[in-house]
Amino acid sequence: MAYSRCLPVWLLLILCMARNGNSAKILVWYTEGSHWINMKPVLDALIDRGHEVDVLVPSSSMFMNSSEASRYHFVPFNVTSLESPEDFMEDFLHFSMYEMDHMSYLQMYTRFIELFKRDIDFALQHVNGVVKSDSIMRRLKEANYDLVLADIIFVGSELLAELLNVPFVASLRFSLAHIFERQCAHLPAPPSFVPAAISKLTDRMNFMDRVWNFLFYAFHDIMLNTIFWKDVDRYYSKVLGKPTSACELLGKADIWLMRTYWDFEFPRPFLPNFKFVGGIHCRPAKPLPEDIEEFVQSSGDDGIVVFSLGSMVRNVTREKGNMIASALAQIPQKVLWRYDGEKPETLGSNTRLYNWIPQNDLLGHPKTKAFITHGGTNGMYEAIYHGVPMVAIPLFADQPHNMIHMQEKGAAIITSINLMTTEDFRDTINTVINDPSYKENIMRLSRIHHDRPISPLDEAVFWIEHTLRHKGAKHLRVKAHELTWYQYHCLDVLVFFLTIALILILVFVKTCSFCLRRCCRRKTKRKAE
C-alpha cells in the first residue's frame, strides 16, 4: 500500500529527469525596443520547457536591463561608443517623422545613407564588446551552448554562431528591401508580384509599378553591397582571419522565424526553413485596472478609441499634439492616448493621457472601436488578433510597409503626421469606426490569424527545438547556398545554350555560303563554256 502511494512521486521524478535530459543551453543575441518585447515570450516558453537561456545585454541599452529580476540569465558586455542609443534614435526618429516628407528623393537617400552608416558603426561597436572581449568569449565557449537565437536587426549574431560553431536560428519581421532573405537565404522574390519592403507597393502591380519595384530591388542591392556588406565583410574577415562574406554567414541560419503570417502577407513563394509565426506575443485580454475600466465603461454605446505610437515615440511636437488633440475632441468616443509629452492645450474632456496603457487588454475589450497606431508589427498583430480596425500614422522602419498591407486588405486607413489636418484626422477616425467594411475586413483577417493548426508561439518553440534535436536543420536548407550567383540564375546554362545556338547559326551560315559559292562557280563555268 505504501509502495503504491509512492509510485506517483517516483514517476514525477523520472519525468523531471527525462525533461532535464532534453534541455538545452541557448544563447540569445541582444536586441532593442519592440524587437525585445517580441522576443521575451519565446524565451519564457523555452524556459517553461526546461531549457536554459542566456541573453547578451550591452552596457548601453534602452530596453534591456541586466540588473532586473528575470527567469533567464543576463550576460552583460561593455560597449565603448561615442554615441548613445538614445541620441541615434532621436536623430533617426526626427528624420523619419519630420524631415522625410519635405525632402527630395536625393536629399532623403543622402540623409538615410548617413544615418545607415552611423547605425552600422554603432552595431559593430556592440559586436566589439563581445567577440573582442577575451573574458566574454572565454565564458561563452566554456558554457557549451547548443544554439544561438537572434533577432537579426543588428549584425553580429551570425558571426558569434560561427565562432561558437553552433546552430543558428534567426528571427525577423523583414530586412531592408528583403535583402537578407533574398540575397543571404535565397528566398524567391520575383519582382513581378512580390513588392519590395518599404516600396509602398502591393502584389497588384501595373507595368510602371513593376518597373519601380524592379529598380527598387536593384537600387537597394547596389546600395547595401557597396555600403553595408562591404564594411561588415571587412570586419568579419579580420575577426575570423580569412576572407569572409557576412551574407554567407547569415545564410547559414538553420531556421528563419518570420514574424508575420498569411493574415498579413501577400501570397508569395517561400522555402522549407522559413516559418511564419506572426503574433507570437498576442494573448487573450485580461481585466483592466479599475480606474481604466471605469473610464472605458463611461463611454456608453459610443465605445473607446485606443491611441499609441509605440514604445519608441511617446510624444510629438506641441503643434502636432494640439492638432491631434483637437481632432480627438470632436469624436463621440472616449480616447485613451499613450502620451508622455506636454499636455495639449486643445485636449478634450473625452481624452485621457497615460504614460503607459495595457494595450493588448484594451484592444481585446468589447467597447474598443478603433486603434490609432504608428503601424509597428506588435501593435498591428494585437489589432488583428482582437479584430480592431486601424487608423495608421506610420513613422519609420517597417511601419509604412505594414500599413500598406492593412490598407490594401481594407482593415486600415493611412494618414501622414506631417500632412494631415484636424479635419482630415477626425474624418478618418469616423470613417474607420462608422464604415462597417473596416470592421468586417479586420474580423476576416482575425479569423485567418486564429485558424491555424498550432499557435505561433508554440510553432516558434517547436522549430527551435527541432533545430536542437537534429543539431541544426540543414535538411531544410536549399542547395542554392552552394551555387554562385550566376549558377543560381542559370546564366552559365544560358551562355551554354547561346553558344550552341551561335555555333549552329554559324555552321548554317557557312554551309549556305559554301553552297552558294559552289552554285555560283558552276554557273560561271557553264557560261564560260
Protein backbone atom coordinates (compact mmCIF):
# COMPACT_ATOMS: atom_id res chain seq x y z
CA MET A 1 0.00 0.00 0.00
CA ALA A 2 2.82 2.40 0.94
CA TYR A 3 4.62 1.46 -2.28
CA SER A 4 1.54 2.33 -4.36
CA ARG A 5 1.34 5.76 -2.66
CA CYS A 6 5.00 6.48 -3.53
CA LEU A 7 4.59 5.44 -7.17
CA PRO A 8 3.31 8.83 -8.47
CA VAL A 9 6.26 10.61 -6.79
CA TRP A 10 8.76 8.27 -8.48
CA LEU A 11 7.02 8.74 -11.83
CA LEU A 12 7.21 12.51 -11.41
CA LEU A 13 10.92 12.34 -10.60
CA ILE A 14 11.58 10.15 -13.65
CA LEU A 15 9.66 12.56 -15.89
CA CYS A 16 11.60 15.51 -14.50
CA MET A 17 14.89 13.72 -15.12
CA ALA A 18 13.83 12.91 -18.68
CA ARG A 19 12.88 16.51 -19.29
CA ASN A 20 16.17 17.81 -17.96
CA GLY A 21 17.97 15.35 -20.18
CA ASN A 22 16.36 17.03 -23.22
CA SER A 23 17.08 20.55 -22.03
CA ALA A 24 19.50 22.76 -23.94
CA LYS A 25 21.60 25.85 -23.39
CA ILE A 26 20.52 28.71 -25.66
CA LEU A 27 22.39 31.96 -26.18
CA VAL A 28 20.36 35.00 -27.27
CA TRP A 29 21.90 37.95 -29.12
CA TYR A 30 20.92 41.40 -27.87
CA THR A 31 18.16 43.46 -29.48
CA GLU A 32 16.15 46.59 -28.70
CA GLY A 33 12.69 48.16 -28.49
CA SER A 34 9.71 46.23 -29.79
CA HIS A 35 12.08 43.50 -31.00
CA TRP A 36 12.99 42.71 -27.40
CA ILE A 37 9.31 42.83 -26.39
CA ASN A 38 8.57 40.29 -29.12
CA MET A 39 11.47 38.04 -28.16
CA LYS A 40 10.55 37.69 -24.48
CA PRO A 41 7.51 35.37 -24.87
CA VAL A 42 9.66 32.92 -26.85
CA LEU A 43 12.34 32.92 -24.15
CA ASP A 44 9.73 32.38 -21.41
CA ALA A 45 8.25 29.45 -23.36
CA LEU A 46 11.69 27.88 -23.83
CA ILE A 47 12.36 28.16 -20.10
CA ASP A 48 8.95 26.61 -19.35
CA ARG A 49 10.09 23.63 -21.42
CA GLY A 50 13.22 23.17 -19.32
CA HIS A 51 15.82 24.98 -21.42
CA GLU A 52 18.47 27.29 -20.02
CA VAL A 53 18.53 30.72 -21.67
CA ASP A 54 21.36 33.28 -21.51
CA VAL A 55 20.85 36.75 -23.00
CA LEU A 56 23.67 39.07 -24.08
CA VAL A 57 22.98 42.63 -22.87
CA PRO A 58 25.05 45.72 -23.79
CA SER A 59 26.05 48.26 -21.18
CA SER A 60 24.19 50.94 -23.18
CA SER A 61 20.66 49.72 -23.80
CA MET A 62 17.30 51.48 -23.84
CA PHE A 63 15.10 48.46 -23.09
CA MET A 64 17.27 45.63 -21.80
CA ASN A 65 18.26 45.83 -18.15
CA SER A 66 20.72 43.23 -16.90
CA SER A 67 20.01 44.13 -13.25
CA GLU A 68 16.29 43.38 -13.41
CA ALA A 69 14.91 40.16 -11.97
CA SER A 70 14.37 37.65 -14.74
CA ARG A 71 13.90 33.97 -15.43
CA TYR A 72 16.79 34.00 -17.90
CA HIS A 73 20.40 34.82 -17.21
CA PHE A 74 21.80 38.10 -18.48
CA VAL A 75 25.36 38.20 -19.80
CA PRO A 76 26.39 41.89 -19.75
CA PHE A 77 29.11 43.24 -22.03
CA ASN A 78 30.69 46.68 -22.33
CA VAL A 79 30.20 48.96 -25.32
CA THR A 80 32.68 51.78 -25.84
CA SER A 81 30.81 54.04 -28.24
CA LEU A 82 30.93 57.81 -28.51
CA GLU A 83 27.22 57.84 -29.35
CA SER A 84 24.42 56.71 -27.08
CA PRO A 85 21.49 54.69 -28.49
CA GLU A 86 19.13 57.45 -27.33
CA ASP A 87 20.98 60.09 -29.38
CA PHE A 88 20.99 57.99 -32.53
CA MET A 89 17.32 57.06 -32.12
CA GLU A 90 16.36 60.70 -31.57
CA ASP A 91 18.06 61.71 -34.85
CA PHE A 92 16.52 58.78 -36.71
CA LEU A 93 13.01 59.50 -35.41
CA HIS A 94 13.31 63.20 -36.23
CA PHE A 95 14.36 62.35 -39.78
CA SER A 96 11.56 59.81 -40.21
CA MET A 97 8.80 61.84 -38.60
CA TYR A 98 9.50 65.43 -39.62
CA GLU A 99 12.14 65.60 -42.38
CA MET A 100 11.35 62.90 -44.96
CA ASP A 101 8.03 64.33 -46.21
CA HIS A 102 9.72 67.63 -47.05
CA MET A 103 12.80 66.24 -48.84
CA SER A 104 13.54 65.41 -52.44
CA TYR A 105 14.43 61.78 -53.19
CA LEU A 106 18.11 62.73 -53.45
CA GLN A 107 18.08 64.54 -50.11
CA MET A 108 16.17 61.73 -48.47
CA TYR A 109 18.54 58.98 -49.61
CA THR A 110 21.63 61.07 -48.80
CA ARG A 111 20.36 61.56 -45.25
CA PHE A 112 19.30 57.94 -44.99
CA ILE A 113 22.74 56.68 -46.06
CA GLU A 114 24.37 58.94 -43.47
CA LEU A 115 22.15 57.51 -40.72
CA PHE A 116 22.67 54.00 -42.08
CA LYS A 117 26.46 54.30 -41.82
CA ARG A 118 26.12 55.56 -38.25
CA ASP A 119 23.92 52.57 -37.46
CA ILE A 120 26.49 50.14 -38.89
CA ASP A 121 29.31 51.74 -36.88
CA PHE A 122 27.16 51.66 -33.77
CA ALA A 123 26.25 47.99 -34.27
CA LEU A 124 29.88 46.96 -34.89
CA GLN A 125 30.89 48.67 -31.63
CA HIS A 126 28.47 46.29 -29.91
CA VAL A 127 29.99 43.31 -31.72
CA ASN A 128 33.40 44.50 -30.49
CA GLY A 129 32.14 44.28 -26.93
CA VAL A 130 31.51 40.55 -27.37
CA VAL A 131 33.88 38.98 -29.91
CA LYS A 132 36.93 41.09 -28.96
CA SER A 133 36.50 40.58 -25.24
CA ASP A 134 38.65 37.67 -24.08
CA SER A 135 36.66 37.25 -20.87
CA ILE A 136 33.28 37.25 -22.60
CA MET A 137 34.36 34.85 -25.34
CA ARG A 138 36.02 32.53 -22.82
CA ARG A 139 32.81 32.46 -20.81
CA LEU A 140 30.66 31.80 -23.89
CA LYS A 141 32.91 29.00 -25.18
CA GLU A 142 33.09 27.31 -21.77
CA ALA A 143 29.28 27.41 -21.50
CA ASN A 144 28.97 24.93 -24.41
CA TYR A 145 25.80 26.41 -25.90
CA ASP A 146 23.62 24.29 -28.14
CA LEU A 147 22.14 27.13 -30.23
CA VAL A 148 22.29 30.87 -30.90
CA LEU A 149 18.92 32.65 -31.24
CA ALA A 150 18.81 36.21 -32.57
CA ASP A 151 16.60 38.93 -33.91
CA ILE A 152 18.88 39.93 -36.77
CA ILE A 153 18.03 43.62 -36.78
CA PHE A 154 21.62 44.06 -35.54
CA VAL A 155 24.66 42.34 -37.07
CA GLY A 156 26.92 40.03 -35.09
CA SER A 157 24.82 37.03 -34.13
CA GLU A 158 25.79 35.06 -37.24
CA LEU A 159 29.48 35.78 -36.52
CA LEU A 160 29.09 34.60 -32.93
CA ALA A 161 27.35 31.39 -34.04
CA GLU A 162 30.28 30.75 -36.39
CA LEU A 163 32.84 31.37 -33.63
CA LEU A 164 30.98 29.05 -31.24
CA ASN A 165 30.27 26.52 -34.02
CA VAL A 166 26.62 26.01 -33.03
CA PRO A 167 23.32 26.05 -34.96
CA PHE A 168 21.72 29.45 -35.55
CA VAL A 169 18.04 30.48 -35.60
CA ALA A 170 17.17 33.92 -36.99
CA SER A 171 14.06 35.87 -36.05
CA LEU A 172 12.91 38.91 -38.05
CA ARG A 173 9.97 40.86 -39.40
CA PHE A 174 11.79 41.83 -42.60
CA SER A 175 15.13 43.29 -43.64
CA LEU A 176 15.58 46.36 -45.79
CA ALA A 177 14.14 45.55 -49.23
CA HIS A 178 14.14 41.89 -48.10
CA ILE A 179 17.91 41.91 -48.68
CA PHE A 180 18.80 39.29 -46.04
CA GLU A 181 16.03 36.93 -47.10
CA ARG A 182 16.71 37.30 -50.84
CA GLN A 183 20.49 37.54 -51.01
CA CYS A 184 21.54 35.51 -47.99
CA ALA A 185 18.80 32.91 -47.55
CA HIS A 186 17.80 32.71 -51.24
CA LEU A 187 14.10 33.26 -50.56
CA PRO A 188 12.46 33.62 -54.01
CA ALA A 189 11.18 37.17 -54.59
CA PRO A 190 10.01 37.70 -58.20
CA PRO A 191 9.70 41.48 -58.62
CA SER A 192 6.68 40.95 -60.87
CA PHE A 193 4.41 40.22 -57.89
CA VAL A 194 6.46 40.36 -54.66
CA PRO A 195 6.65 44.02 -53.60
CA ALA A 196 9.94 45.14 -52.12
CA ALA A 197 9.82 46.08 -48.45
CA ILE A 198 9.13 49.81 -47.81
CA SER A 199 8.31 50.29 -51.52
CA LYS A 200 4.64 51.05 -50.62
CA LEU A 201 3.58 48.66 -53.40
CA THR A 202 1.18 45.71 -53.20
CA ASP A 203 1.11 42.42 -55.10
CA ARG A 204 -1.23 44.05 -57.65
CA MET A 205 1.23 45.96 -59.83
CA ASN A 206 0.72 47.53 -63.22
CA PHE A 207 3.58 47.92 -65.69
CA MET A 208 5.04 51.08 -64.12
CA ASP A 209 4.71 49.57 -60.64
CA ARG A 210 6.73 46.57 -61.79
CA VAL A 211 9.35 48.89 -63.29
CA TRP A 212 9.59 50.77 -59.99
CA ASN A 213 9.70 47.52 -57.99
CA PHE A 214 12.48 46.13 -60.19
CA LEU A 215 14.51 49.33 -59.84
CA PHE A 216 13.83 49.41 -56.11
CA TYR A 217 15.33 45.93 -55.66
CA ALA A 218 18.31 46.79 -57.87
CA PHE A 219 19.00 50.11 -56.14
CA HIS A 220 18.95 48.65 -52.66
CA ASP A 221 21.05 45.66 -53.70
CA ILE A 222 23.69 48.06 -55.03
CA MET A 223 23.45 50.37 -52.01
CA LEU A 224 23.74 47.60 -49.44
CA ASN A 225 26.51 45.78 -51.32
CA THR A 226 28.59 48.95 -51.56
CA ILE A 227 27.86 50.33 -48.08
CA PHE A 228 26.56 47.70 -45.68
CA TRP A 229 28.13 44.38 -46.70
CA LYS A 230 31.47 45.98 -47.58
CA ASP A 231 32.05 47.27 -44.04
CA VAL A 232 30.66 44.20 -42.30
CA ASP A 233 32.60 41.80 -44.56
CA ARG A 234 35.83 43.64 -43.76
CA TYR A 235 35.11 43.42 -40.02
CA TYR A 236 34.16 39.71 -40.12
CA SER A 237 37.25 38.89 -42.21
CA LYS A 238 39.53 40.50 -39.60
CA VAL A 239 37.86 38.60 -36.76
CA LEU A 240 37.97 35.20 -38.50
CA GLY A 241 41.37 35.78 -40.11
CA LYS A 242 40.20 34.87 -43.61
CA PRO A 243 38.07 36.46 -46.37
CA THR A 244 34.50 36.20 -45.12
CA SER A 245 31.11 37.11 -46.54
CA ALA A 246 28.73 38.24 -43.80
CA CYS A 247 25.81 37.42 -46.08
CA GLU A 248 27.04 33.84 -46.48
CA LEU A 249 27.39 33.51 -42.71
CA LEU A 250 23.85 34.82 -42.25
CA GLY A 251 22.67 32.39 -44.93
CA LYS A 252 23.82 29.53 -42.70
CA ALA A 253 20.86 30.18 -40.39
CA ASP A 254 19.08 26.86 -39.93
CA ILE A 255 15.61 28.33 -39.37
CA TRP A 256 14.17 31.76 -40.20
CA LEU A 257 11.29 32.70 -37.90
CA MET A 258 9.36 35.34 -39.84
CA ARG A 259 7.13 37.40 -37.53
CA THR A 260 4.24 37.61 -39.99
CA TYR A 261 1.54 35.27 -41.26
CA TRP A 262 -0.84 34.96 -44.20
CA ASP A 263 -3.32 37.27 -42.49
CA PHE A 264 -0.76 39.98 -43.28
CA GLU A 265 1.47 38.71 -46.09
CA PHE A 266 0.54 38.77 -49.76
CA PRO A 267 0.84 35.20 -51.15
CA ARG A 268 4.42 34.55 -52.23
CA PRO A 269 6.95 31.68 -52.59
CA PHE A 270 8.84 30.55 -49.52
CA LEU A 271 11.35 27.88 -48.50
CA PRO A 272 11.14 24.93 -46.04
CA ASN A 273 13.30 26.65 -43.42
CA PHE A 274 11.12 29.79 -43.39
CA LYS A 275 8.42 29.60 -40.71
CA PHE A 276 5.78 32.33 -40.46
CA VAL A 277 4.98 32.91 -36.79
CA GLY A 278 3.32 36.33 -36.72
CA GLY A 279 1.51 37.14 -33.47
CA ILE A 280 3.91 35.39 -31.08
CA HIS A 281 3.17 37.86 -28.29
CA CYS A 282 -0.62 38.05 -28.72
CA ARG A 283 -2.85 36.73 -25.95
CA PRO A 284 -6.45 36.96 -24.71
CA ALA A 285 -7.34 40.20 -22.95
CA LYS A 286 -7.03 40.40 -19.17
CA PRO A 287 -9.23 42.57 -16.91
CA LEU A 288 -8.28 46.25 -16.99
CA PRO A 289 -7.04 48.23 -13.98
CA GLU A 290 -10.01 49.62 -12.04
CA ASP A 291 -9.52 53.30 -12.99
CA ILE A 292 -9.13 52.49 -16.70
CA GLU A 293 -12.14 50.14 -16.67
CA GLU A 294 -14.25 52.88 -15.08
CA PHE A 295 -13.26 55.34 -17.82
CA VAL A 296 -13.93 52.75 -20.53
CA GLN A 297 -17.39 51.96 -19.14
CA SER A 298 -18.24 55.67 -19.05
CA SER A 299 -18.11 55.70 -22.87
CA GLY A 300 -21.54 54.07 -23.12
CA ASP A 301 -22.60 52.83 -26.56
CA ASP A 302 -20.07 55.04 -28.36
CA GLY A 303 -17.16 52.95 -27.08
CA ILE A 304 -13.49 53.85 -26.97
CA VAL A 305 -10.51 54.55 -29.22
CA VAL A 306 -7.03 53.34 -28.24
CA PHE A 307 -4.15 55.56 -29.34
CA SER A 308 -0.44 54.68 -29.14
CA LEU A 309 2.59 55.50 -31.25
CA GLY A 310 4.57 52.60 -29.82
CA SER A 311 7.45 52.09 -27.43
CA MET A 312 9.90 54.46 -29.15
CA VAL A 313 7.64 57.51 -29.72
CA ARG A 314 5.82 58.82 -26.68
CA ASN A 315 5.23 62.43 -27.71
CA VAL A 316 5.09 64.73 -30.72
CA THR A 317 5.74 68.44 -31.25
CA ARG A 318 3.47 70.93 -29.49
CA GLU A 319 1.83 71.92 -32.77
CA LYS A 320 1.12 68.32 -33.78
CA GLY A 321 -0.09 67.48 -30.28
CA ASN A 322 -2.64 70.29 -30.35
CA MET A 323 -3.81 69.34 -33.84
CA ILE A 324 -4.29 65.68 -32.85
CA ALA A 325 -5.99 66.54 -29.54
CA SER A 326 -8.39 68.90 -31.31
CA ALA A 327 -9.44 66.15 -33.73
CA LEU A 328 -9.91 63.64 -30.90
CA ALA A 329 -12.09 66.14 -29.00
CA GLN A 330 -14.54 66.12 -31.93
CA ILE A 331 -15.37 62.40 -31.90
CA PRO A 332 -18.04 60.88 -29.62
CA GLN A 333 -15.84 58.05 -28.36
CA LYS A 334 -13.67 58.18 -25.25
CA VAL A 335 -9.97 58.11 -26.11
CA LEU A 336 -7.08 56.53 -24.17
CA TRP A 337 -3.90 58.11 -25.51
CA ARG A 338 -0.43 56.90 -24.54
CA TYR A 339 1.38 60.21 -24.43
CA ASP A 340 4.34 61.39 -22.38
CA GLY A 341 4.80 64.97 -23.61
CA GLU A 342 3.39 68.37 -22.67
CA LYS A 343 -0.38 68.28 -22.23
CA PRO A 344 -2.02 69.66 -25.41
CA GLU A 345 -3.99 72.87 -24.91
CA THR A 346 -6.83 71.56 -27.09
CA LEU A 347 -7.27 68.30 -25.16
CA GLY A 348 -10.97 67.40 -24.91
CA SER A 349 -12.81 66.01 -21.91
CA ASN A 350 -13.25 62.72 -23.77
CA THR A 351 -9.48 62.11 -23.95
CA ARG A 352 -7.16 60.88 -21.21
CA LEU A 353 -3.38 60.78 -21.38
CA TYR A 354 -1.39 57.85 -19.97
CA ASN A 355 2.35 57.20 -19.64
CA TRP A 356 1.52 53.53 -20.14
CA ILE A 357 -1.58 51.62 -21.22
CA PRO A 358 -2.38 47.87 -21.19
CA GLN A 359 -2.62 47.95 -24.99
CA ASN A 360 -3.41 44.28 -25.63
CA ASP A 361 -6.10 44.23 -22.94
CA LEU A 362 -7.68 47.43 -24.24
CA LEU A 363 -7.73 46.13 -27.82
CA GLY A 364 -9.45 42.99 -26.56
CA HIS A 365 -12.15 44.99 -24.73
CA PRO A 366 -15.63 44.78 -26.33
CA LYS A 367 -16.03 48.58 -26.24
CA THR A 368 -12.96 49.25 -28.41
CA LYS A 369 -13.99 50.67 -31.79
CA ALA A 370 -10.65 51.65 -33.37
CA PHE A 371 -6.90 51.64 -32.82
CA ILE A 372 -4.82 54.68 -33.79
CA THR A 373 -1.34 53.26 -34.32
CA HIS A 374 2.07 54.02 -35.78
CA GLY A 375 1.89 50.65 -37.53
CA GLY A 376 4.51 48.67 -35.64
CA THR A 377 4.31 44.92 -36.09
CA ASN A 378 3.49 44.15 -32.44
CA GLY A 379 0.57 46.57 -32.19
CA MET A 380 -0.68 45.65 -35.66
CA TYR A 381 -0.82 41.97 -34.73
CA GLU A 382 -2.64 42.70 -31.47
CA ALA A 383 -5.23 44.58 -33.54
CA ILE A 384 -5.55 41.63 -35.94
CA TYR A 385 -5.75 39.16 -33.05
CA HIS A 386 -8.63 41.07 -31.41
CA GLY A 387 -10.27 42.28 -34.63
CA VAL A 388 -9.90 46.07 -34.23
CA PRO A 389 -9.73 48.31 -37.37
CA MET A 390 -6.88 50.79 -37.52
CA VAL A 391 -6.10 54.42 -38.26
CA ALA A 392 -2.41 54.41 -39.20
CA ILE A 393 0.16 57.17 -38.70
CA PRO A 394 3.29 55.32 -39.91
CA LEU A 395 6.52 56.99 -38.80
CA PHE A 396 9.60 54.90 -39.70
CA ALA A 397 11.14 51.49 -40.49
CA ASP A 398 8.61 48.77 -41.36
CA GLN A 399 5.57 50.83 -40.34
CA PRO A 400 4.61 52.28 -43.78
CA HIS A 401 5.08 48.82 -45.30
CA ASN A 402 2.91 47.21 -42.61
CA MET A 403 0.09 49.67 -43.07
CA ILE A 404 0.13 49.44 -46.86
CA HIS A 405 -0.72 45.76 -46.35
CA MET A 406 -3.51 46.59 -43.89
CA GLN A 407 -4.94 49.32 -46.11
CA GLU A 408 -4.87 47.05 -49.16
CA LYS A 409 -6.75 44.41 -47.16
CA GLY A 410 -9.36 47.00 -46.17
CA ALA A 411 -8.59 46.99 -42.44
CA ALA A 412 -6.96 50.42 -42.04
CA ILE A 413 -6.67 53.94 -43.39
CA ILE A 414 -3.24 55.59 -43.63
CA THR A 415 -2.65 59.24 -42.81
CA SER A 416 0.53 61.34 -42.52
CA ILE A 417 1.56 63.09 -39.34
CA ASN A 418 3.06 65.94 -41.41
CA LEU A 419 0.29 66.37 -43.98
CA MET A 420 -2.96 65.68 -42.08
CA THR A 421 -5.18 68.44 -40.71
CA THR A 422 -7.52 68.34 -37.73
CA GLU A 423 -10.49 67.78 -40.04
CA ASP A 424 -8.70 65.05 -42.02
CA PHE A 425 -7.75 63.18 -38.85
CA ARG A 426 -11.24 63.45 -37.36
CA ASP A 427 -12.91 62.30 -40.59
CA THR A 428 -10.50 59.37 -40.93
CA ILE A 429 -11.30 58.14 -37.42
CA ASN A 430 -15.03 58.48 -38.04
CA THR A 431 -14.76 56.58 -41.34
CA VAL A 432 -12.91 53.64 -39.77
CA ILE A 433 -15.45 53.45 -36.93
CA ASN A 434 -18.68 54.04 -38.89
CA ASP A 435 -17.96 52.26 -42.19
CA PRO A 436 -18.75 48.60 -41.39
CA SER A 437 -16.39 47.31 -44.10
CA TYR A 438 -13.32 48.07 -41.95
CA LYS A 439 -14.64 46.02 -39.05
CA GLU A 440 -15.69 43.21 -41.40
CA ASN A 441 -12.27 43.11 -43.07
CA ILE A 442 -10.27 43.10 -39.82
CA MET A 443 -12.51 40.33 -38.47
CA ARG A 444 -11.80 38.31 -41.63
CA LEU A 445 -8.07 38.73 -41.01
CA SER A 446 -8.58 37.82 -37.36
CA ARG A 447 -10.32 34.57 -38.32
CA ILE A 448 -7.41 33.72 -40.66
CA HIS A 449 -4.95 34.50 -37.86
CA HIS A 450 -6.68 32.15 -35.41
CA ASP A 451 -7.36 29.40 -37.97
CA ARG A 452 -4.00 27.63 -37.81
CA PRO A 453 -3.04 24.16 -36.55
CA ILE A 454 -0.68 25.44 -33.86
CA SER A 455 -0.27 28.78 -32.08
CA PRO A 456 2.57 30.99 -33.41
CA LEU A 457 4.41 30.84 -30.09
CA ASP A 458 4.24 27.03 -29.98
CA GLU A 459 5.35 26.84 -33.61
CA ALA A 460 8.36 29.09 -32.96
CA VAL A 461 9.37 26.97 -29.98
CA PHE A 462 8.83 23.77 -31.96
CA TRP A 463 11.21 24.81 -34.73
CA ILE A 464 13.84 25.99 -32.27
CA GLU A 465 13.65 22.61 -30.54
CA HIS A 466 13.61 20.85 -33.93
CA THR A 467 16.94 22.56 -34.67
CA LEU A 468 18.27 21.47 -31.28
CA ARG A 469 17.17 17.85 -31.69
CA HIS A 470 18.84 17.49 -35.08
CA LYS A 471 21.96 19.56 -34.29
CA GLY A 472 20.86 22.03 -36.94
CA ALA A 473 18.30 21.95 -39.73
CA LYS A 474 20.49 21.56 -42.80
CA HIS A 475 17.91 19.16 -44.26
CA LEU A 476 15.61 22.18 -44.76
CA ARG A 477 18.16 24.45 -46.46
CA VAL A 478 18.07 24.63 -50.26
CA LYS A 479 21.18 23.78 -52.27
CA ALA A 480 21.11 27.31 -53.67
CA HIS A 481 23.56 28.18 -50.89
CA GLU A 482 26.19 26.10 -52.69
CA LEU A 483 25.71 27.89 -56.02
CA THR A 484 27.35 31.05 -57.28
CA TRP A 485 25.10 33.94 -58.30
CA TYR A 486 25.42 33.11 -62.00
CA GLN A 487 24.68 29.42 -61.35
CA TYR A 488 21.64 30.35 -59.23
CA HIS A 489 20.20 32.40 -62.11
CA CYS A 490 21.31 29.74 -64.66
CA LEU A 491 23.35 32.34 -66.52
CA ASP A 492 26.01 29.69 -67.27
CA VAL A 493 23.31 27.48 -68.77
CA LEU A 494 22.00 30.43 -70.78
CA VAL A 495 25.52 31.17 -72.06
CA PHE A 496 25.90 27.46 -72.99
CA PHE A 497 22.68 27.43 -75.00
CA LEU A 498 23.50 30.76 -76.62
CA THR A 499 26.91 29.41 -77.57
CA ILE A 500 25.32 26.28 -79.09
CA ALA A 501 22.82 28.46 -80.94
CA LEU A 502 25.56 30.74 -82.24
CA ILE A 503 27.62 27.72 -83.39
CA LEU A 504 24.62 26.26 -85.21
CA ILE A 505 23.85 29.60 -86.79
CA LEU A 506 27.49 29.96 -87.81
CA VAL A 507 27.53 26.44 -89.26
CA PHE A 508 24.29 27.17 -91.10
CA VAL A 509 25.64 30.45 -92.50
CA LYS A 510 28.92 28.83 -93.50
CA THR A 511 27.09 25.92 -95.14
CA CYS A 512 24.79 28.26 -97.03
CA SER A 513 27.76 30.40 -98.05
CA PHE A 514 29.67 27.33 -99.24
CA CYS A 515 26.71 26.01 -101.20
CA LEU A 516 26.10 29.43 -102.69
CA ARG A 517 29.72 29.73 -103.81
CA ARG A 518 29.62 26.22 -105.35
CA CYS A 519 26.45 27.07 -107.18
CA CYS A 520 27.89 30.35 -108.45
CA ARG A 521 31.05 28.59 -109.68
CA ARG A 522 29.01 26.07 -111.67
CA LYS A 523 27.04 28.84 -113.29
CA THR A 524 30.24 30.69 -114.14
CA LYS A 525 31.76 27.55 -115.74
CA ARG A 526 28.63 26.95 -117.82
CA LYS A 527 28.67 30.50 -119.08
CA ALA A 528 32.36 30.20 -119.95
CA GLU A 529 31.69 27.02 -121.96
